[in-house]
Structures are given as structure tokens and as C-alpha cells.
C-alpha atoms as a PDB file:
ATOM      1  CA  UNK A   1       0.013  -0.036  -0.022  1.00  0.00           C
ATOM      2  CA  UNK A   2       2.862   2.426   0.759  1.00  0.00           C
ATOM      3  CA  UNK A   3       5.667   3.282  -1.694  1.00  0.00           C
ATOM      4  CA  UNK A   4       8.345   5.839  -0.861  1.00  0.00           C
ATOM      5  CA  UNK A   5       6.013   7.987   1.224  1.00  0.00           C
ATOM      6  CA  UNK A   6       3.103   7.766  -1.182  1.00  0.00           C
ATOM      7  CA  UNK A   7       0.009   5.769  -0.293  1.00  0.00           C
ATOM      8  CA  UNK A   8      -1.247   3.906  -3.318  1.00  0.00           C
ATOM      9  CA  UNK A   9      -4.130   1.423  -3.357  1.00  0.00           C
ATOM     10  CA  UNK A  10      -4.864  -0.218  -6.670  1.00  0.00           C
ATOM     11  CA  UNK A  11      -8.130  -1.856  -5.764  1.00  0.00           C
ATOM     12  CA  UNK A  12     -10.199  -0.211  -2.967  1.00  0.00           C
ATOM     13  CA  UNK A  13     -13.041  -2.745  -3.558  1.00  0.00           C
ATOM     14  CA  UNK A  14     -10.808  -5.683  -2.580  1.00  0.00           C
ATOM     15  CA  UNK A  15      -9.488  -4.306   0.785  1.00  0.00           C
ATOM     16  CA  UNK A  16     -10.479  -6.186   3.887  1.00  0.00           C
ATOM     17  CA  UNK A  17     -12.582  -3.878   5.978  1.00  0.00           C
ATOM     18  CA  UNK A  18     -13.046  -3.773   9.822  1.00  0.00           C
ATOM     19  CA  UNK A  19     -15.617  -2.637  12.282  1.00  0.00           C
ATOM     20  CA  UNK A  20     -15.346   0.995  13.491  1.00  0.00           C
ATOM     21  CA  UNK A  21     -14.748   2.125  16.993  1.00  0.00           C
ATOM     22  CA  UNK A  22     -17.650   2.675  19.457  1.00  0.00           C
ATOM     23  CA  UNK A  23     -18.036   6.447  18.617  1.00  0.00           C
ATOM     24  CA  UNK A  24     -18.576   5.831  14.961  1.00  0.00           C
ATOM     25  CA  UNK A  25     -20.787   2.742  15.499  1.00  0.00           C
ATOM     26  CA  UNK A  26     -23.137   4.729  17.731  1.00  0.00           C
ATOM     27  CA  UNK A  27     -24.244   6.754  14.722  1.00  0.00           C
ATOM     28  CA  UNK A  28     -25.723   3.754  12.754  1.00  0.00           C
ATOM     29  CA  UNK A  29     -28.471   1.205  13.273  1.00  0.00           C
ATOM     30  CA  UNK A  30     -26.410  -1.567  11.652  1.00  0.00           C
ATOM     31  CA  UNK A  31     -22.674  -2.380  11.680  1.00  0.00           C
ATOM     32  CA  UNK A  32     -20.619  -0.688   9.087  1.00  0.00           C
ATOM     33  CA  UNK A  33     -17.152  -1.672   7.772  1.00  0.00           C
ATOM     34  CA  UNK A  34     -14.164   0.554   7.155  1.00  0.00           C
ATOM     35  CA  UNK A  35     -10.413   0.660   6.585  1.00  0.00           C
ATOM     36  CA  UNK A  36      -8.041   3.416   7.449  1.00  0.00           C
ATOM     37  CA  UNK A  37      -6.066   4.321   4.284  1.00  0.00           C
ATOM     38  CA  UNK A  38      -4.039   7.274   5.445  1.00  0.00           C
ATOM     39  CA  UNK A  39      -3.405   9.300   8.618  1.00  0.00           C
ATOM     40  CA  UNK A  40      -1.391  12.581   8.727  1.00  0.00           C
ATOM     41  CA  UNK A  41       0.216  12.837  12.190  1.00  0.00           C
ATOM     42  CA  UNK A  42       0.709  16.607  11.893  1.00  0.00           C
ATOM     43  CA  UNK A  43      -2.821  17.666  10.880  1.00  0.00           C
ATOM     44  CA  UNK A  44      -4.757  14.661  12.186  1.00  0.00           C
ATOM     45  CA  UNK A  45      -6.376  14.146   8.746  1.00  0.00           C
ATOM     46  CA  UNK A  46      -7.695  10.648   8.185  1.00  0.00           C
ATOM     47  CA  UNK A  47      -8.769   8.901   4.955  1.00  0.00           C
ATOM     48  CA  UNK A  48     -10.971   5.785   4.933  1.00  0.00           C
ATOM     49  CA  UNK A  49     -12.748   3.417   2.601  1.00  0.00           C
ATOM     50  CA  UNK A  50     -16.204   2.698   4.049  1.00  0.00           C
ATOM     51  CA  UNK A  51     -18.984   0.217   3.276  1.00  0.00           C
ATOM     52  CA  UNK A  52     -22.552   0.871   4.389  1.00  0.00           C
ATOM     53  CA  UNK A  53     -24.939  -2.158   4.229  1.00  0.00           C
ATOM     54  CA  UNK A  54     -28.248  -1.934   2.357  1.00  0.00           C
ATOM     55  CA  UNK A  55     -30.849   0.193   4.208  1.00  0.00           C
ATOM     56  CA  UNK A  56     -28.441   1.466   6.881  1.00  0.00           C
ATOM     57  CA  UNK A  57     -29.909   4.360   8.847  1.00  0.00           C
ATOM     58  CA  UNK A  58     -27.722   7.043  10.300  1.00  0.00           C
ATOM     59  CA  UNK A  59     -28.434   9.500  13.160  1.00  0.00           C
ATOM     60  CA  UNK A  60     -27.959  13.179  12.735  1.00  0.00           C
ATOM     61  CA  UNK A  61     -24.407  14.110  13.873  1.00  0.00           C
ATOM     62  CA  UNK A  62     -21.527  16.514  13.394  1.00  0.00           C
ATOM     63  CA  UNK A  63     -17.771  16.513  13.357  1.00  0.00           C
ATOM     64  CA  UNK A  64     -15.159  19.033  14.488  1.00  0.00           C
ATOM     65  CA  UNK A  65     -13.321  18.605  11.186  1.00  0.00           C
ATOM     66  CA  UNK A  66     -14.824  19.082   7.638  1.00  0.00           C
ATOM     67  CA  UNK A  67     -15.037  15.880   5.609  1.00  0.00           C
ATOM     68  CA  UNK A  68     -15.563  14.814   2.063  1.00  0.00           C
ATOM     69  CA  UNK A  69     -17.187  11.697   0.584  1.00  0.00           C
ATOM     70  CA  UNK A  70     -16.622  10.270  -2.938  1.00  0.00           C
ATOM     71  CA  UNK A  71     -19.027   7.459  -3.786  1.00  0.00           C
ATOM     72  CA  UNK A  72     -17.464   4.504  -5.549  1.00  0.00           C
ATOM     73  CA  UNK A  73     -20.392   1.988  -5.614  1.00  0.00           C
ATOM     74  CA  UNK A  74     -24.019   1.993  -4.758  1.00  0.00           C
ATOM     75  CA  UNK A  75     -26.158   4.898  -3.558  1.00  0.00           C
ATOM     76  CA  UNK A  76     -25.773   7.221  -0.574  1.00  0.00           C
ATOM     77  CA  UNK A  77     -28.425   9.403   1.018  1.00  0.00           C
ATOM     78  CA  UNK A  78     -26.418  12.542   1.951  1.00  0.00           C
ATOM     79  CA  UNK A  79     -28.664  15.025   3.897  1.00  0.00           C
ATOM     80  CA  UNK A  80     -31.733  13.764   2.008  1.00  0.00           C
ATOM     81  CA  UNK A  81     -30.139  13.830  -1.482  1.00  0.00           C
ATOM     82  CA  UNK A  82     -29.427  10.449  -3.038  1.00  0.00           C
ATOM     83  CA  UNK A  83     -26.055  10.293  -4.926  1.00  0.00           C
ATOM     84  CA  UNK A  84     -24.315   7.464  -6.724  1.00  0.00           C
ATOM     85  CA  UNK A  85     -21.063   6.323  -8.193  1.00  0.00           C
ATOM     86  CA  UNK A  86     -18.733   9.128  -9.087  1.00  0.00           C
ATOM     87  CA  UNK A  87     -20.584  11.588  -6.825  1.00  0.00           C
ATOM     88  CA  UNK A  88     -18.922  14.006  -4.336  1.00  0.00           C
ATOM     89  CA  UNK A  89     -20.223  15.467  -1.116  1.00  0.00           C
ATOM     90  CA  UNK A  90     -18.429  17.875   1.257  1.00  0.00           C
ATOM     91  CA  UNK A  91     -19.601  18.639   4.826  1.00  0.00           C
ATOM     92  CA  UNK A  92     -18.200  21.732   6.573  1.00  0.00           C
ATOM     93  CA  UNK A  93     -16.869  21.392  10.055  1.00  0.00           C
ATOM     94  CA  UNK A  94     -19.555  21.545  12.741  1.00  0.00           C
ATOM     95  CA  UNK A  95     -22.506  21.239  10.343  1.00  0.00           C
ATOM     96  CA  UNK A  96     -25.241  18.748  11.374  1.00  0.00           C
ATOM     97  CA  UNK A  97     -25.473  16.014   8.827  1.00  0.00           C
ATOM     98  CA  UNK A  98     -26.859  12.571   8.049  1.00  0.00           C
ATOM     99  CA  UNK A  99     -25.477  10.140   5.568  1.00  0.00           C
ATOM    100  CA  UNK A 100     -26.861   6.647   5.197  1.00  0.00           C
ATOM    101  CA  UNK A 101     -27.348   3.856   2.606  1.00  0.00           C
ATOM    102  CA  UNK A 102     -30.488   3.386   0.570  1.00  0.00           C
ATOM    103  CA  UNK A 103     -32.633   0.272   0.066  1.00  0.00           C
ATOM    104  CA  UNK A 104     -31.079  -0.279  -3.340  1.00  0.00           C
ATOM    105  CA  UNK A 105     -27.970  -2.044  -2.020  1.00  0.00           C
ATOM    106  CA  UNK A 106     -24.751  -1.452  -0.173  1.00  0.00           C
ATOM    107  CA  UNK A 107     -22.630   1.714  -0.695  1.00  0.00           C
ATOM    108  CA  UNK A 108     -18.839   1.912  -0.885  1.00  0.00           C
ATOM    109  CA  UNK A 109     -17.163   5.266  -0.626  1.00  0.00           C
ATOM    110  CA  UNK A 110     -13.949   7.092   0.236  1.00  0.00           C
ATOM    111  CA  UNK A 111     -14.236   9.303   3.341  1.00  0.00           C
ATOM    112  CA  UNK A 112     -11.649  12.129   3.845  1.00  0.00           C
ATOM    113  CA  UNK A 113     -11.603  13.787   7.234  1.00  0.00           C
ATOM    114  CA  UNK A 114      -9.742  17.117   7.036  1.00  0.00           C
ATOM    115  CA  UNK A 115      -8.616  16.833  10.657  1.00  0.00           C
ATOM    116  CA  UNK A 116      -8.883  14.217  13.430  1.00  0.00           C
ATOM    117  CA  UNK A 117     -12.064  12.064  13.532  1.00  0.00           C
ATOM    118  CA  UNK A 118     -14.627  12.837  16.286  1.00  0.00           C
ATOM    119  CA  UNK A 119     -18.370  12.620  16.330  1.00  0.00           C
ATOM    120  CA  UNK A 120     -21.122  14.242  18.300  1.00  0.00           C
ATOM    121  CA  UNK A 121     -24.775  13.082  18.040  1.00  0.00           C
ATOM    122  CA  UNK A 122     -27.263  15.841  17.457  1.00  0.00           C
ATOM    123  CA  UNK A 123     -30.529  15.615  19.296  1.00  0.00           C
ATOM    124  CA  UNK A 124     -33.755  17.350  18.405  1.00  0.00           C
END
């Protein structure tokens, strides 16, 4: 995966994914799977590949850092707008958001945190 300082992954779809930590898992009604691709020690930025199962529901939450999603496979409901393969979504730091899968199948995407990961659930 790493080559002279660069991080290069030829086939994101073939990576073995793991369960997230408790903070991330608390956002969803089903288990999700992810894999850390890159972490910058200086800025705290983290890049992941994530798979949501079909019909996954997410709770409204926010993050201290902005983050970006690029959909690779399937369909993602991002703040009520359904986006598919090749789509991009950016969420500013601190903004309440909800992203979840649809009933049309699982969703695979790249998630880029522009600072360290944290999560805060937003209640009504």
C-alpha cells in the first residue's frame, strides 16, 4: 500500500474492512465496515474506505473537522439527497449531517476527514 512516502491502493473494492470504534458505531443502526487508508500525524487528517450495508440508517451528527465523501459503488443518502457512483459530497466542520445507505444495495465510498475524527450526536 505504501511506496516511498506515497500511499497507493490499486483496488479499494478488494480491501479487507473492519468494524469501526464505538463512537462511529453509535451513529448507525447496523454495523458498518471501514479501513484506514491514510493518517497525517501533523494535521490529524484521516482517509478511509467505508462500506454501508443496504438500508443502513444514520443518526444526525456533526464532526469538528470538515469531511468529504466520494461514492465508488451504490447509492448514498447525503442530507436527503441520493447520490451514486462518481458523486462527491463535502460537509463543513460543525454542520449537522446525516449520511446513510439506501434500500437499493450497499454503498462503498472514500471518506476524507480534514482533521482528526470525532463525532457528536445531534438531538432534536
